[in-house]
Amino acid sequence: MKRILSSALLVAFALSVVGCNTVKGVGQDVQKAGEKIEDAAKK
């Protein structure tokens, strides 16, 4: 039982790390798109 729990925790941790990197990348993309819209609005 302990082995299953530790394996599940390890998998959950790995997925959360990967998820954070993905969310960070999406945030950067949205920020760049917002900057482009601002530049277009200023013209």
PDB file of N, CA and C in Angstrom:
ATOM      1  N   MET A   1       0.821  -1.195   0.000  1.00  0.00           N
ATOM      2  CA  MET A   1       0.000   0.000   0.000  1.00  0.00           C
ATOM      3  C   MET A   1       0.865   1.259   0.000  1.00  0.00           C
ATOM      4  N   LYS A   2       1.923   1.241   0.777  1.00  0.00           N
ATOM      5  CA  LYS A   2       2.821   2.394   0.847  1.00  0.00           C
ATOM      6  C   LYS A   2       3.488   2.648  -0.502  1.00  0.00           C
ATOM      7  N   ARG A   3       3.816   1.584  -1.181  1.00  0.00           N
ATOM      8  CA  ARG A   3       4.481   1.710  -2.477  1.00  0.00           C
ATOM      9  C   ARG A   3       3.542   2.347  -3.510  1.00  0.00           C
ATOM     10  N   ILE A   4       2.282   1.963  -3.480  1.00  0.00           N
ATOM     11  CA  ILE A   4       1.302   2.522  -4.412  1.00  0.00           C
ATOM     12  C   ILE A   4       1.110   4.009  -4.132  1.00  0.00           C
ATOM     13  N   LEU A   5       1.015   4.366  -2.865  1.00  0.00           N
ATOM     14  CA  LEU A   5       0.830   5.768  -2.496  1.00  0.00           C
ATOM     15  C   LEU A   5       2.025   6.617  -2.917  1.00  0.00           C
ATOM     16  N   SER A   6       3.219   6.120  -2.687  1.00  0.00           N
ATOM     17  CA  SER A   6       4.403   6.890  -3.071  1.00  0.00           C
ATOM     18  C   SER A   6       4.509   7.013  -4.593  1.00  0.00           C
ATOM     19  N   SER A   7       4.120   5.997  -5.311  1.00  0.00           N
ATOM     20  CA  SER A   7       4.132   6.057  -6.780  1.00  0.00           C
ATOM     21  C   SER A   7       3.118   7.079  -7.277  1.00  0.00           C
ATOM     22  N   ALA A   8       1.939   7.092  -6.668  1.00  0.00           N
ATOM     23  CA  ALA A   8       0.907   8.047  -7.069  1.00  0.00           C
ATOM     24  C   ALA A   8       1.362   9.475  -6.788  1.00  0.00           C
ATOM     25  N   LEU A   9       2.001   9.702  -5.665  1.00  0.00           N
ATOM     26  CA  LEU A   9       2.498  11.033  -5.340  1.00  0.00           C
ATOM     27  C   LEU A   9       3.576  11.472  -6.316  1.00  0.00           C
ATOM     28  N   LEU A  10       4.439  10.560  -6.703  1.00  0.00           N
ATOM     29  CA  LEU A  10       5.491  10.873  -7.659  1.00  0.00           C
ATOM     30  C   LEU A  10       4.901  11.252  -9.016  1.00  0.00           C
ATOM     31  N   VAL A  11       3.915  10.525  -9.460  1.00  0.00           N
ATOM     32  CA  VAL A  11       3.261  10.822 -10.739  1.00  0.00           C
ATOM     33  C   VAL A  11       2.554  12.179 -10.669  1.00  0.00           C
ATOM     34  N   ALA A  12       1.873  12.438  -9.557  1.00  0.00           N
ATOM     35  CA  ALA A  12       1.174  13.715  -9.396  1.00  0.00           C
ATOM     36  C   ALA A  12       2.164  14.872  -9.408  1.00  0.00           C
ATOM     37  N   PHE A  13       3.295  14.717  -8.756  1.00  0.00           N
ATOM     38  CA  PHE A  13       4.317  15.755  -8.739  1.00  0.00           C
ATOM     39  C   PHE A  13       4.867  16.002 -10.145  1.00  0.00           C
ATOM     40  N   ALA A  14       5.137  14.936 -10.863  1.00  0.00           N
ATOM     41  CA  ALA A  14       5.675  15.061 -12.222  1.00  0.00           C
ATOM     42  C   ALA A  14       4.679  15.788 -13.127  1.00  0.00           C
ATOM     43  N   LEU A  15       3.410  15.454 -13.010  1.00  0.00           N
ATOM     44  CA  LEU A  15       2.396  16.111 -13.840  1.00  0.00           C
ATOM     45  C   LEU A  15       2.247  17.583 -13.477  1.00  0.00           C
ATOM     46  N   SER A  16       2.371  17.901 -12.199  1.00  0.00           N
ATOM     47  CA  SER A  16       2.234  19.303 -11.806  1.00  0.00           C
ATOM     48  C   SER A  16       3.401  20.130 -12.326  1.00  0.00           C
ATOM     49  N   VAL A  17       4.588  19.566 -12.347  1.00  0.00           N
ATOM     50  CA  VAL A  17       5.756  20.278 -12.874  1.00  0.00           C
ATOM     51  C   VAL A  17       5.593  20.525 -14.374  1.00  0.00           C
ATOM     52  N   VAL A  18       5.152  19.521 -15.085  1.00  0.00           N
ATOM     53  CA  VAL A  18       4.941  19.661 -16.526  1.00  0.00           C
ATOM     54  C   VAL A  18       3.823  20.664 -16.783  1.00  0.00           C
ATOM     55  N   GLY A  19       2.775  20.611 -15.989  1.00  0.00           N
ATOM     56  CA  GLY A  19       1.654  21.535 -16.138  1.00  0.00           C
ATOM     57  C   GLY A  19       2.074  22.973 -15.919  1.00  0.00           C
ATOM     58  N   CYS A  20       2.928  23.205 -14.950  1.00  0.00           N
ATOM     59  CA  CYS A  20       3.385  24.572 -14.678  1.00  0.00           C
ATOM     60  C   CYS A  20       4.139  25.134 -15.876  1.00  0.00           C
ATOM     61  N   ASN A  21       4.981  24.331 -16.468  1.00  0.00           N
ATOM     62  CA  ASN A  21       5.732  24.795 -17.636  1.00  0.00           C
ATOM     63  C   ASN A  21       4.792  25.102 -18.801  1.00  0.00           C
ATOM     64  N   THR A  22       3.765  24.290 -18.959  1.00  0.00           N
ATOM     65  CA  THR A  22       2.809  24.510 -20.037  1.00  0.00           C
ATOM     66  C   THR A  22       2.034  25.796 -19.808  1.00  0.00           C
ATOM     67  N   VAL A  23       1.554  25.996 -18.594  1.00  0.00           N
ATOM     68  CA  VAL A  23       0.791  27.207 -18.270  1.00  0.00           C
ATOM     69  C   VAL A  23       1.665  28.440 -18.437  1.00  0.00           C
ATOM     70  N   LYS A  24       2.927  28.332 -18.047  1.00  0.00           N
ATOM     71  CA  LYS A  24       3.849  29.462 -18.202  1.00  0.00           C
ATOM     72  C   LYS A  24       4.002  29.814 -19.678  1.00  0.00           C
ATOM     73  N   GLY A  25       4.139  28.824 -20.519  1.00  0.00           N
ATOM     74  CA  GLY A  25       4.285  29.053 -21.958  1.00  0.00           C
ATOM     75  C   GLY A  25       3.052  29.697 -22.563  1.00  0.00           C
ATOM     76  N   VAL A  26       1.879  29.250 -22.136  1.00  0.00           N
ATOM     77  CA  VAL A  26       0.635  29.839 -22.632  1.00  0.00           C
ATOM     78  C   VAL A  26       0.546  31.288 -22.185  1.00  0.00           C
ATOM     79  N   GLY A  27       0.931  31.562 -20.947  1.00  0.00           N
ATOM     80  CA  GLY A  27       0.911  32.933 -20.438  1.00  0.00           C
ATOM     81  C   GLY A  27       1.815  33.849 -21.239  1.00  0.00           C
ATOM     82  N   GLN A  28       2.969  33.355 -21.612  1.00  0.00           N
ATOM     83  CA  GLN A  28       3.897  34.156 -22.409  1.00  0.00           C
ATOM     84  C   GLN A  28       3.322  34.433 -23.799  1.00  0.00           C
ATOM     85  N   ASP A  29       2.661  33.435 -24.383  1.00  0.00           N
ATOM     86  CA  ASP A  29       2.053  33.615 -25.701  1.00  0.00           C
ATOM     87  C   ASP A  29       0.940  34.662 -25.650  1.00  0.00           C
ATOM     88  N   VAL A  30       0.120  34.587 -24.609  1.00  0.00           N
ATOM     89  CA  VAL A  30      -0.976  35.542 -24.462  1.00  0.00           C
ATOM     90  C   VAL A  30      -0.415  36.945 -24.255  1.00  0.00           C
ATOM     91  N   GLN A  31       0.657  37.054 -23.491  1.00  0.00           N
ATOM     92  CA  GLN A  31       1.271  38.361 -23.252  1.00  0.00           C
ATOM     93  C   GLN A  31       1.795  38.956 -24.558  1.00  0.00           C
ATOM     94  N   LYS A  32       2.448  38.146 -25.366  1.00  0.00           N
ATOM     95  CA  LYS A  32       2.967  38.637 -26.646  1.00  0.00           C
ATOM     96  C   LYS A  32       1.830  39.069 -27.568  1.00  0.00           C
ATOM     97  N   ALA A  33       0.734  38.314 -27.558  1.00  0.00           N
ATOM     98  CA  ALA A  33      -0.415  38.682 -28.390  1.00  0.00           C
ATOM     99  C   ALA A  33      -1.001  40.006 -27.912  1.00  0.00           C
ATOM    100  N   GLY A  34      -1.063  40.197 -26.609  1.00  0.00           N
ATOM    101  CA  GLY A  34      -1.562  41.455 -26.060  1.00  0.00           C
ATOM    102  C   GLY A  34      -0.689  42.630 -26.451  1.00  0.00           C
ATOM    103  N   GLU A  35       0.616  42.426 -26.460  1.00  0.00           N
ATOM    104  CA  GLU A  35       1.533  43.494 -26.864  1.00  0.00           C
ATOM    105  C   GLU A  35       1.324  43.859 -28.335  1.00  0.00           C
ATOM    106  N   LYS A  36       1.090  42.869 -29.174  1.00  0.00           N
ATOM    107  CA  LYS A  36       0.845  43.135 -30.601  1.00  0.00           C
ATOM    108  C   LYS A  36      -0.432  43.935 -30.774  1.00  0.00           C
ATOM    109  N   ILE A  37      -1.471  43.596 -29.996  1.00  0.00           N
ATOM    110  CA  ILE A  37      -2.737  44.318 -30.093  1.00  0.00           C
ATOM    111  C   ILE A  37      -2.540  45.766 -29.632  1.00  0.00           C
ATOM    112  N   GLU A  38      -1.783  45.947 -28.575  1.00  0.00           N
ATOM    113  CA  GLU A  38      -1.509  47.320 -28.085  1.00  0.00           C
ATOM    114  C   GLU A  38      -0.777  48.128 -29.156  1.00  0.00           C
ATOM    115  N   ASP A  39       0.219  47.527 -29.771  1.00  0.00           N
ATOM    116  CA  ASP A  39       0.968  48.216 -30.819  1.00  0.00           C
ATOM    117  C   ASP A  39       0.054  48.603 -31.981  1.00  0.00           C
ATOM    118  N   ALA A  40      -0.841  47.705 -32.373  1.00  0.00           N
ATOM    119  CA  ALA A  40      -1.757  47.985 -33.471  1.00  0.00           C
ATOM    120  C   ALA A  40      -2.726  49.088 -33.084  1.00  0.00           C
ATOM    121  N   ALA A  41      -3.139  49.121 -31.821  1.00  0.00           N
ATOM    122  CA  ALA A  41      -4.092  50.152 -31.377  1.00  0.00           C
ATOM    123  C   ALA A  41      -3.430  51.527 -31.324  1.00  0.00           C
ATOM    124  N   LYS A  42      -2.141  51.572 -31.073  1.00  0.00           N
ATOM    125  CA  LYS A  42      -1.430  52.852 -30.984  1.00  0.00           C
ATOM    126  C   LYS A  42      -1.251  53.498 -32.358  1.00  0.00           C
ATOM    127  N   LYS A  43      -1.269  52.693 -33.429  1.00  0.00           N
ATOM    128  CA  LYS A  43      -1.031  53.198 -34.788  1.00  0.00           C
ATOM    129  C   LYS A  43      -2.233  53.911 -35.344  1.00  0.00           C
TER     130      LYS A  43
END
